Amino acid sequence: MQPFIELYGHFDAVQGKYVLASRIESIITSIINVGEFLGAVSSFIVEDRLGRRGGLYVSSTCVIIGTVLQVSHSNIGILIAGRLVLGTPSQINFKAFCHELTNQQATPSD
């Protein structure tokens, strides 16, 4: 955790070490939930136009883009944007698999 704090935090002369502000830590942690909300709202549009398979392609692309953004830059804004993008596909995937699972459980087996 110390290399992360040194990269994204600031040096506090009073404590004599690098620290990460709790405000920044909270934003980094919770921004993925904002992405999940955006994914929940957009999942109906994505899957309505592209279907379940197209929605899975879109969500897989979002996972790749979000991961690349998080690991490739040392800017805190890019890290937050990557976590936002990474949170979006979780709801698209959930909707796609939830419908499939519900259909399998609801239909009688022959």
Foldseek 3Di string as FASTA:
>chain_A
DQVLQVLAFDADPVVRGGDHDVVLVVLLVCLLVVLLVLLQVCLCVQCVVPNLVSLVVQLVVLLVQLVCQCPVDSDSVSNSVSSSSNSNSVNNNCVSVVVVVCVVVPDDDD
